[in-house]
Amino acid sequence: MTLKPSSGTEREPNWAKSSYSTDEGAQCVEVATPDTHTILIRDSKNPDGPRLAFTPATWADFLPYATERH
């Protein structure tokens, strides 16, 4: 994983957009893994907005549910 510097000493993780998302899509999410203990989720249309944080185990439990709903 590569991190790019942001303001101050903080580091912004690399965000990856869902392959189901398009530039004009209304439901776009991005995922980042800043470390081995955290999965971050954000709305790609509001990158400075709130972020959800999950443990890898919780994220793994959620994915089958989410894939059934696409």
N, C-alpha and C. Protein backbone atom coordinates (compact mmCIF):
# COMPACT_ATOMS: atom_id res chain seq x y z
N MET A 1 0.85 -1.16 0.00
CA MET A 1 0.00 0.00 0.00
C MET A 1 0.89 1.23 0.00
N THR A 2 0.46 2.25 -0.73
CA THR A 2 1.20 3.50 -0.80
C THR A 2 0.38 4.60 -0.16
N LEU A 3 1.02 5.40 0.67
CA LEU A 3 0.36 6.53 1.30
C LEU A 3 0.94 7.80 0.73
N LYS A 4 0.08 8.80 0.50
CA LYS A 4 0.58 10.09 0.04
C LYS A 4 0.37 11.11 1.15
N PRO A 5 1.32 12.01 1.34
CA PRO A 5 1.19 13.00 2.41
C PRO A 5 0.02 13.94 2.18
N SER A 6 -0.64 14.32 3.26
CA SER A 6 -1.67 15.36 3.20
C SER A 6 -1.18 16.51 4.08
N SER A 7 -2.07 17.34 4.56
CA SER A 7 -1.65 18.50 5.35
C SER A 7 -1.02 18.06 6.67
N GLY A 8 -0.03 18.79 7.11
CA GLY A 8 0.62 18.49 8.38
C GLY A 8 1.35 17.17 8.35
N THR A 9 1.31 16.47 9.47
CA THR A 9 2.00 15.20 9.57
C THR A 9 1.07 14.02 9.28
N GLU A 10 -0.19 14.30 9.03
CA GLU A 10 -1.15 13.24 8.73
C GLU A 10 -0.86 12.66 7.36
N ARG A 11 -1.26 11.42 7.16
CA ARG A 11 -1.12 10.78 5.85
C ARG A 11 -2.50 10.34 5.38
N GLU A 12 -2.77 10.58 4.11
CA GLU A 12 -4.04 10.19 3.50
C GLU A 12 -3.84 8.83 2.82
N PRO A 13 -4.68 7.85 3.13
CA PRO A 13 -4.53 6.54 2.48
C PRO A 13 -4.90 6.60 1.00
N ASN A 14 -4.44 5.63 0.25
CA ASN A 14 -4.86 5.49 -1.14
C ASN A 14 -6.28 4.95 -1.16
N TRP A 15 -7.16 5.63 -1.86
CA TRP A 15 -8.56 5.21 -1.96
C TRP A 15 -8.78 4.52 -3.29
N ALA A 16 -9.56 3.46 -3.28
CA ALA A 16 -9.91 2.72 -4.50
C ALA A 16 -11.42 2.78 -4.67
N LYS A 17 -11.85 3.17 -5.87
CA LYS A 17 -13.28 3.25 -6.17
C LYS A 17 -13.79 1.88 -6.60
N SER A 18 -15.01 1.57 -6.24
CA SER A 18 -15.63 0.31 -6.64
C SER A 18 -15.66 0.19 -8.15
N SER A 19 -15.42 -1.01 -8.65
CA SER A 19 -15.48 -1.24 -10.10
C SER A 19 -16.91 -1.10 -10.62
N TYR A 20 -17.89 -1.12 -9.74
CA TYR A 20 -19.28 -0.91 -10.14
C TYR A 20 -19.63 0.56 -10.24
N SER A 21 -18.77 1.43 -9.75
CA SER A 21 -19.02 2.87 -9.77
C SER A 21 -18.56 3.46 -11.10
N THR A 22 -19.28 4.47 -11.55
CA THR A 22 -18.89 5.21 -12.74
C THR A 22 -18.76 6.67 -12.35
N ASP A 23 -18.15 7.47 -13.21
CA ASP A 23 -18.00 8.89 -12.91
C ASP A 23 -19.34 9.58 -12.74
N GLU A 24 -20.35 9.13 -13.47
CA GLU A 24 -21.66 9.76 -13.36
C GLU A 24 -22.61 8.97 -12.46
N GLY A 25 -22.11 7.91 -11.83
CA GLY A 25 -22.95 7.07 -10.97
C GLY A 25 -23.40 7.78 -9.71
N ALA A 26 -24.59 7.46 -9.27
CA ALA A 26 -25.15 8.10 -8.08
C ALA A 26 -24.71 7.42 -6.80
N GLN A 27 -24.28 6.17 -6.88
CA GLN A 27 -23.92 5.43 -5.67
C GLN A 27 -22.47 4.97 -5.77
N CYS A 28 -21.55 5.84 -5.42
CA CYS A 28 -20.13 5.54 -5.52
C CYS A 28 -19.52 5.43 -4.13
N VAL A 29 -18.78 4.39 -3.90
CA VAL A 29 -18.05 4.24 -2.65
C VAL A 29 -16.58 4.01 -2.96
N GLU A 30 -15.74 4.40 -2.01
CA GLU A 30 -14.32 4.15 -2.11
C GLU A 30 -13.86 3.46 -0.84
N VAL A 31 -12.85 2.62 -0.98
CA VAL A 31 -12.32 1.84 0.13
C VAL A 31 -10.83 2.11 0.26
N ALA A 32 -10.34 2.18 1.49
CA ALA A 32 -8.91 2.34 1.75
C ALA A 32 -8.52 1.44 2.91
N THR A 33 -7.28 0.99 2.89
CA THR A 33 -6.73 0.20 3.98
C THR A 33 -5.46 0.89 4.48
N PRO A 34 -5.61 1.82 5.42
CA PRO A 34 -4.45 2.57 5.90
C PRO A 34 -3.47 1.73 6.71
N ASP A 35 -3.95 0.62 7.26
CA ASP A 35 -3.09 -0.31 7.99
C ASP A 35 -3.75 -1.68 7.97
N THR A 36 -3.16 -2.65 8.62
CA THR A 36 -3.69 -4.02 8.57
C THR A 36 -4.87 -4.24 9.50
N HIS A 37 -5.24 -3.22 10.28
CA HIS A 37 -6.32 -3.37 11.26
C HIS A 37 -7.57 -2.58 10.92
N THR A 38 -7.57 -1.83 9.81
CA THR A 38 -8.67 -0.92 9.52
C THR A 38 -9.02 -0.94 8.04
N ILE A 39 -10.33 -0.97 7.75
CA ILE A 39 -10.87 -0.78 6.41
C ILE A 39 -11.71 0.48 6.48
N LEU A 40 -11.40 1.47 5.65
CA LEU A 40 -12.16 2.73 5.62
C LEU A 40 -13.06 2.77 4.39
N ILE A 41 -14.25 3.32 4.55
CA ILE A 41 -15.22 3.47 3.47
C ILE A 41 -15.67 4.92 3.46
N ARG A 42 -15.79 5.51 2.24
CA ARG A 42 -16.30 6.88 2.11
C ARG A 42 -17.10 7.00 0.83
N ASP A 43 -17.88 8.06 0.76
CA ASP A 43 -18.65 8.41 -0.43
C ASP A 43 -17.72 9.17 -1.37
N SER A 44 -17.51 8.67 -2.58
CA SER A 44 -16.56 9.31 -3.50
C SER A 44 -17.01 10.71 -3.91
N LYS A 45 -18.30 11.00 -3.80
CA LYS A 45 -18.79 12.33 -4.15
C LYS A 45 -18.55 13.34 -3.03
N ASN A 46 -18.19 12.85 -1.84
CA ASN A 46 -17.95 13.71 -0.68
C ASN A 46 -16.68 13.23 0.03
N PRO A 47 -15.52 13.35 -0.60
CA PRO A 47 -14.30 12.77 -0.03
C PRO A 47 -13.88 13.37 1.30
N ASP A 48 -14.33 14.57 1.62
CA ASP A 48 -14.00 15.18 2.91
C ASP A 48 -15.06 14.91 3.96
N GLY A 49 -16.09 14.17 3.59
CA GLY A 49 -17.18 13.87 4.52
C GLY A 49 -16.84 12.74 5.45
N PRO A 50 -17.87 12.21 6.11
CA PRO A 50 -17.65 11.15 7.09
C PRO A 50 -17.09 9.88 6.45
N ARG A 51 -16.38 9.13 7.26
CA ARG A 51 -15.81 7.84 6.84
C ARG A 51 -16.25 6.78 7.83
N LEU A 52 -16.54 5.62 7.32
CA LEU A 52 -16.83 4.48 8.18
C LEU A 52 -15.56 3.67 8.34
N ALA A 53 -15.31 3.15 9.53
CA ALA A 53 -14.14 2.32 9.78
C ALA A 53 -14.60 0.94 10.24
N PHE A 54 -14.03 -0.09 9.65
CA PHE A 54 -14.36 -1.47 9.97
C PHE A 54 -13.08 -2.24 10.29
N THR A 55 -13.22 -3.28 11.09
CA THR A 55 -12.12 -4.22 11.23
C THR A 55 -12.16 -5.12 9.99
N PRO A 56 -11.05 -5.76 9.64
CA PRO A 56 -11.08 -6.68 8.50
C PRO A 56 -12.13 -7.79 8.65
N ALA A 57 -12.32 -8.30 9.86
CA ALA A 57 -13.30 -9.37 10.08
C ALA A 57 -14.73 -8.87 9.85
N THR A 58 -15.03 -7.67 10.35
CA THR A 58 -16.37 -7.10 10.14
C THR A 58 -16.61 -6.83 8.66
N TRP A 59 -15.61 -6.30 7.96
CA TRP A 59 -15.72 -6.04 6.53
C TRP A 59 -15.97 -7.33 5.76
N ALA A 60 -15.23 -8.39 6.11
CA ALA A 60 -15.39 -9.68 5.45
C ALA A 60 -16.79 -10.25 5.68
N ASP A 61 -17.35 -10.04 6.87
CA ASP A 61 -18.72 -10.48 7.15
C ASP A 61 -19.75 -9.67 6.37
N PHE A 62 -19.47 -8.39 6.13
CA PHE A 62 -20.41 -7.52 5.43
C PHE A 62 -20.44 -7.76 3.92
N LEU A 63 -19.31 -8.08 3.31
CA LEU A 63 -19.23 -8.19 1.85
C LEU A 63 -20.24 -9.15 1.23
N PRO A 64 -20.45 -10.36 1.76
CA PRO A 64 -21.46 -11.23 1.13
C PRO A 64 -22.86 -10.61 1.15
N TYR A 65 -23.20 -9.91 2.22
CA TYR A 65 -24.49 -9.22 2.30
C TYR A 65 -24.58 -8.15 1.23
N ALA A 66 -23.53 -7.34 1.08
CA ALA A 66 -23.54 -6.24 0.12
C ALA A 66 -23.60 -6.74 -1.32
N THR A 67 -22.91 -7.81 -1.62
CA THR A 67 -22.90 -8.31 -3.01
C THR A 67 -24.24 -8.88 -3.43
N GLU A 68 -25.03 -9.32 -2.47
CA GLU A 68 -26.39 -9.80 -2.79
C GLU A 68 -27.33 -8.65 -3.14
N ARG A 69 -26.98 -7.43 -2.77
CA ARG A 69 -27.87 -6.26 -2.91
C ARG A 69 -27.55 -5.38 -4.09
N HIS A 70 -26.58 -5.73 -4.94
CA HIS A 70 -26.17 -4.81 -6.01
C HIS A 70 -27.14 -4.72 -7.13
